[in-house]
């Protein structure tokens, strides 16, 4: 099978789609992380309601970091699709 310019471009385009799909997995993982984060917070809050005020700031920080990583993964997926 001869490799010509059209086949090479198809391989590059396919690799871009595969890479963007793999990078987009991070957005789903961020959703799972946020759900786990809030679920564990509620579990701890129900066990020890007096500690809620001290842990709420950590909850918001964890939420922000998790969402930032999800947005970063989405950015990488878009860069692979449209900029490379």
Protein backbone atom coordinates (compact mmCIF):
# COMPACT_ATOMS: atom_id res chain seq x y z
CA UNK A 1 0.00 0.00 0.00
CA UNK A 2 1.50 3.27 -1.08
CA UNK A 3 1.48 6.19 1.31
CA UNK A 4 0.50 9.40 -0.39
CA UNK A 5 -0.32 12.86 0.92
CA UNK A 6 -4.04 12.17 1.21
CA UNK A 7 -3.51 9.06 3.38
CA UNK A 8 -1.06 10.91 5.60
CA UNK A 9 -3.55 13.74 6.13
CA UNK A 10 -6.27 11.22 7.02
CA UNK A 11 -3.99 9.62 9.61
CA UNK A 12 -3.19 13.01 11.15
CA UNK A 13 -6.89 13.95 11.23
CA UNK A 14 -7.77 10.64 12.88
CA UNK A 15 -5.02 11.13 15.46
CA UNK A 16 -6.38 14.60 16.25
CA UNK A 17 -9.85 13.17 16.87
CA UNK A 18 -8.52 10.36 19.05
CA UNK A 19 -6.38 12.78 21.06
CA UNK A 20 -9.26 15.22 21.53
CA UNK A 21 -11.55 12.40 22.64
CA UNK A 22 -9.00 11.20 25.18
CA UNK A 23 -8.52 14.74 26.47
CA UNK A 24 -12.29 15.18 26.79
CA UNK A 25 -12.39 12.27 29.24
CA UNK A 26 -11.00 14.74 31.76
CA UNK A 27 -14.22 16.74 31.70
CA UNK A 28 -16.20 13.68 32.72
CA UNK A 29 -13.64 12.89 35.39
CA UNK A 30 -14.08 16.40 36.78
CA UNK A 31 -17.81 15.80 37.08
CA UNK A 32 -17.18 12.57 38.96
CA UNK A 33 -14.70 14.38 41.20
CA UNK A 34 -17.16 17.14 42.06
CA UNK A 35 -19.85 14.60 42.87
CA UNK A 36 -17.50 12.65 45.12
CA UNK A 37 -16.28 15.82 46.79
CA UNK A 38 -19.75 17.07 47.71
CA UNK A 39 -20.94 13.59 48.64
CA UNK A 40 -18.10 13.09 51.09
CA UNK A 41 -18.64 16.57 52.50
CA UNK A 42 -22.31 15.81 53.15
CA UNK A 43 -21.36 12.48 54.70
CA UNK A 44 -18.97 14.23 57.09
CA UNK A 45 -21.41 17.05 57.80
CA UNK A 46 -24.13 14.62 58.79
CA UNK A 47 -21.74 12.80 61.11
CA UNK A 48 -20.31 15.93 62.74
CA UNK A 49 -22.44 19.03 62.12
CA UNK A 50 -20.26 21.25 64.31
CA UNK A 51 -17.29 20.88 61.93
CA UNK A 52 -19.15 22.11 58.84
CA UNK A 53 -18.05 25.75 59.16
CA UNK A 54 -14.38 24.78 59.33
CA UNK A 55 -14.56 22.50 56.31
CA UNK A 56 -16.68 24.62 53.98
CA UNK A 57 -13.73 26.70 52.75
CA UNK A 58 -11.83 23.53 51.88
CA UNK A 59 -14.90 22.26 50.04
CA UNK A 60 -15.09 25.38 47.87
CA UNK A 61 -11.33 25.25 47.18
CA UNK A 62 -11.58 21.59 46.16
CA UNK A 63 -14.53 22.38 43.93
CA UNK A 64 -12.62 25.21 42.23
CA UNK A 65 -9.53 23.08 41.61
CA UNK A 66 -11.58 20.17 40.28
CA UNK A 67 -13.52 22.38 37.90
CA UNK A 68 -10.32 24.12 36.77
CA UNK A 69 -8.83 20.77 35.81
CA UNK A 70 -11.99 19.88 33.89
CA UNK A 71 -11.89 23.18 32.01
CA UNK A 72 -8.19 22.65 31.29
CA UNK A 73 -8.96 19.22 29.83
CA UNK A 74 -11.67 20.74 27.64
CA UNK A 75 -9.25 23.43 26.50
CA UNK A 76 -6.69 20.81 25.50
CA UNK A 77 -9.37 18.93 23.54
CA UNK A 78 -10.36 22.09 21.67
CA UNK A 79 -6.73 22.95 20.97
CA UNK A 80 -6.15 19.50 19.52
CA UNK A 81 -9.22 19.80 17.32
CA UNK A 82 -8.92 23.34 16.03
CA UNK A 83 -5.39 24.65 16.54
CA UNK A 84 -3.14 21.72 15.63
